[in-house]
Amino acid sequence: MSADEMKTLVSELVEEKLIELLGDPEADLELKEVVAERLKASFKAESKGEIGTPADEFAEKLGLKW
């Protein structure tokens, strides 16, 4: 595991533990209706293949092995 991967892992674990101990500060917040509608439209378009790039294609463009 590289140093950057380790930093990312530790960061994620610390965040998870803080949320577990302190609760999610955004738990009581609600999305504005316009944001919710845009997300729904985006998910729908992505599921139909109208938008988005498959992960393997994106990785290949970056020269990564997926």
N, C-alpha and C. Protein backbone atom coordinates (compact mmCIF):
# COMPACT_ATOMS: atom_id res chain seq x y z
N MET A 1 0.85 -1.17 0.00
CA MET A 1 0.00 0.00 0.00
C MET A 1 0.90 1.24 0.00
N SER A 2 0.58 2.17 -0.88
CA SER A 2 1.38 3.39 -0.96
C SER A 2 1.04 4.33 0.19
N ALA A 3 1.89 5.33 0.37
CA ALA A 3 1.66 6.31 1.43
C ALA A 3 0.36 7.07 1.20
N ASP A 4 0.08 7.43 -0.05
CA ASP A 4 -1.16 8.14 -0.36
C ASP A 4 -2.38 7.28 -0.08
N GLU A 5 -2.29 5.99 -0.42
CA GLU A 5 -3.40 5.08 -0.15
C GLU A 5 -3.61 4.94 1.36
N MET A 6 -2.53 4.88 2.10
CA MET A 6 -2.62 4.77 3.55
C MET A 6 -3.25 6.03 4.15
N LYS A 7 -2.85 7.20 3.67
CA LYS A 7 -3.42 8.45 4.15
C LYS A 7 -4.93 8.49 3.88
N THR A 8 -5.33 8.07 2.71
CA THR A 8 -6.74 8.05 2.35
C THR A 8 -7.50 7.10 3.26
N LEU A 9 -6.96 5.92 3.46
CA LEU A 9 -7.60 4.93 4.32
C LEU A 9 -7.74 5.46 5.75
N VAL A 10 -6.68 6.01 6.31
CA VAL A 10 -6.73 6.54 7.67
C VAL A 10 -7.74 7.68 7.76
N SER A 11 -7.75 8.55 6.78
CA SER A 11 -8.70 9.66 6.75
C SER A 11 -10.14 9.16 6.76
N GLU A 12 -10.42 8.16 5.93
CA GLU A 12 -11.76 7.60 5.86
C GLU A 12 -12.15 6.94 7.18
N LEU A 13 -11.22 6.22 7.79
CA LEU A 13 -11.50 5.56 9.06
C LEU A 13 -11.76 6.57 10.18
N VAL A 14 -10.98 7.64 10.21
CA VAL A 14 -11.17 8.67 11.22
C VAL A 14 -12.54 9.32 11.04
N GLU A 15 -12.89 9.64 9.80
CA GLU A 15 -14.19 10.25 9.52
C GLU A 15 -15.33 9.32 9.94
N GLU A 16 -15.24 8.05 9.61
CA GLU A 16 -16.26 7.08 10.01
C GLU A 16 -16.41 7.02 11.52
N LYS A 17 -15.28 6.99 12.23
CA LYS A 17 -15.32 6.90 13.69
C LYS A 17 -15.91 8.16 14.30
N LEU A 18 -15.56 9.32 13.77
CA LEU A 18 -16.11 10.58 14.29
C LEU A 18 -17.63 10.62 14.08
N ILE A 19 -18.08 10.19 12.93
CA ILE A 19 -19.52 10.16 12.67
C ILE A 19 -20.20 9.18 13.61
N GLU A 20 -19.55 8.04 13.83
CA GLU A 20 -20.10 7.04 14.75
C GLU A 20 -20.23 7.62 16.17
N LEU A 21 -19.20 8.33 16.61
CA LEU A 21 -19.19 8.86 17.97
C LEU A 21 -20.01 10.13 18.14
N LEU A 22 -19.96 11.01 17.16
CA LEU A 22 -20.60 12.31 17.28
C LEU A 22 -21.91 12.43 16.51
N GLY A 23 -22.15 11.48 15.62
CA GLY A 23 -23.32 11.56 14.77
C GLY A 23 -23.01 12.32 13.49
N ASP A 24 -23.86 12.15 12.51
CA ASP A 24 -23.68 12.81 11.22
C ASP A 24 -24.23 14.23 11.33
N PRO A 25 -23.39 15.25 11.16
CA PRO A 25 -23.85 16.63 11.30
C PRO A 25 -24.88 17.04 10.25
N GLU A 26 -24.98 16.26 9.19
CA GLU A 26 -25.92 16.60 8.12
C GLU A 26 -27.17 15.73 8.16
N ALA A 27 -27.31 14.91 9.21
CA ALA A 27 -28.41 13.95 9.28
C ALA A 27 -29.78 14.61 9.24
N ASP A 28 -29.92 15.76 9.85
CA ASP A 28 -31.23 16.42 9.92
C ASP A 28 -31.47 17.40 8.77
N LEU A 29 -30.51 17.53 7.88
CA LEU A 29 -30.66 18.46 6.77
C LEU A 29 -31.44 17.81 5.63
N GLU A 30 -32.15 18.62 4.88
CA GLU A 30 -32.89 18.11 3.74
C GLU A 30 -32.38 18.79 2.47
N LEU A 31 -32.44 18.04 1.37
CA LEU A 31 -32.07 18.61 0.09
C LEU A 31 -33.16 19.57 -0.37
N LYS A 32 -32.75 20.65 -0.99
CA LYS A 32 -33.74 21.53 -1.60
C LYS A 32 -34.39 20.76 -2.74
N GLU A 33 -35.64 21.06 -3.00
CA GLU A 33 -36.39 20.33 -4.02
C GLU A 33 -35.70 20.38 -5.38
N VAL A 34 -35.15 21.53 -5.74
CA VAL A 34 -34.49 21.65 -7.04
C VAL A 34 -33.28 20.72 -7.13
N VAL A 35 -32.55 20.57 -6.03
CA VAL A 35 -31.38 19.68 -6.02
C VAL A 35 -31.83 18.23 -6.11
N ALA A 36 -32.87 17.88 -5.37
CA ALA A 36 -33.40 16.52 -5.41
C ALA A 36 -33.86 16.16 -6.82
N GLU A 37 -34.54 17.07 -7.48
CA GLU A 37 -35.02 16.81 -8.84
C GLU A 37 -33.85 16.65 -9.82
N ARG A 38 -32.82 17.46 -9.68
CA ARG A 38 -31.65 17.34 -10.56
C ARG A 38 -30.95 16.00 -10.35
N LEU A 39 -30.84 15.57 -9.08
CA LEU A 39 -30.23 14.27 -8.80
C LEU A 39 -31.05 13.13 -9.41
N LYS A 40 -32.36 13.19 -9.25
CA LYS A 40 -33.23 12.15 -9.82
C LYS A 40 -33.06 12.10 -11.34
N ALA A 41 -33.05 13.27 -11.98
CA ALA A 41 -32.89 13.32 -13.43
C ALA A 41 -31.53 12.77 -13.84
N SER A 42 -30.50 13.10 -13.08
CA SER A 42 -29.16 12.63 -13.39
C SER A 42 -29.07 11.11 -13.25
N PHE A 43 -29.63 10.56 -12.17
CA PHE A 43 -29.61 9.10 -11.98
C PHE A 43 -30.38 8.40 -13.09
N LYS A 44 -31.51 8.97 -13.48
CA LYS A 44 -32.33 8.38 -14.54
C LYS A 44 -31.57 8.38 -15.86
N ALA A 45 -30.96 9.51 -16.21
CA ALA A 45 -30.20 9.61 -17.46
C ALA A 45 -29.01 8.66 -17.45
N GLU A 46 -28.34 8.56 -16.32
CA GLU A 46 -27.18 7.67 -16.22
C GLU A 46 -27.61 6.21 -16.38
N SER A 47 -28.73 5.84 -15.77
CA SER A 47 -29.19 4.45 -15.86
C SER A 47 -29.61 4.09 -17.28
N LYS A 48 -30.02 5.08 -18.05
CA LYS A 48 -30.39 4.85 -19.46
C LYS A 48 -29.18 4.91 -20.38
N GLY A 49 -28.02 5.24 -19.82
CA GLY A 49 -26.81 5.33 -20.62
C GLY A 49 -26.68 6.63 -21.39
N GLU A 50 -27.52 7.61 -21.03
CA GLU A 50 -27.50 8.89 -21.73
C GLU A 50 -26.33 9.77 -21.31
N ILE A 51 -25.86 9.58 -20.09
CA ILE A 51 -24.71 10.34 -19.60
C ILE A 51 -23.79 9.40 -18.84
N GLY A 52 -22.61 9.87 -18.57
CA GLY A 52 -21.66 9.08 -17.78
C GLY A 52 -20.71 8.29 -18.65
N THR A 53 -19.62 7.92 -18.06
CA THR A 53 -18.60 7.12 -18.73
C THR A 53 -18.35 5.89 -17.87
N PRO A 54 -18.38 4.71 -18.47
CA PRO A 54 -18.10 3.51 -17.68
C PRO A 54 -16.73 3.62 -17.01
N ALA A 55 -16.64 3.08 -15.81
CA ALA A 55 -15.42 3.19 -15.01
C ALA A 55 -14.20 2.65 -15.74
N ASP A 56 -14.36 1.51 -16.43
CA ASP A 56 -13.21 0.94 -17.13
C ASP A 56 -12.73 1.84 -18.27
N GLU A 57 -13.67 2.48 -18.94
CA GLU A 57 -13.32 3.42 -20.01
C GLU A 57 -12.60 4.64 -19.44
N PHE A 58 -13.11 5.16 -18.34
CA PHE A 58 -12.51 6.32 -17.69
C PHE A 58 -11.10 5.99 -17.21
N ALA A 59 -10.95 4.82 -16.58
CA ALA A 59 -9.65 4.39 -16.09
C ALA A 59 -8.65 4.26 -17.24
N GLU A 60 -9.12 3.71 -18.35
CA GLU A 60 -8.25 3.53 -19.51
C GLU A 60 -7.76 4.89 -20.03
N LYS A 61 -8.66 5.89 -20.07
CA LYS A 61 -8.26 7.23 -20.51
C LYS A 61 -7.18 7.81 -19.61
N LEU A 62 -7.21 7.43 -18.33
CA LEU A 62 -6.21 7.92 -17.39
C LEU A 62 -4.97 7.06 -17.34
N GLY A 63 -4.98 5.98 -18.13
CA GLY A 63 -3.84 5.08 -18.16
C GLY A 63 -3.80 4.14 -16.97
N LEU A 64 -4.97 3.92 -16.35
CA LEU A 64 -5.05 3.05 -15.18
C LEU A 64 -5.55 1.67 -15.59
N LYS A 65 -5.16 0.66 -14.83
CA LYS A 65 -5.68 -0.68 -15.07
C LYS A 65 -6.84 -0.91 -14.12
N TRP A 66 -7.98 -1.27 -14.67
CA TRP A 66 -9.19 -1.43 -13.88
C TRP A 66 -9.52 -2.88 -13.73
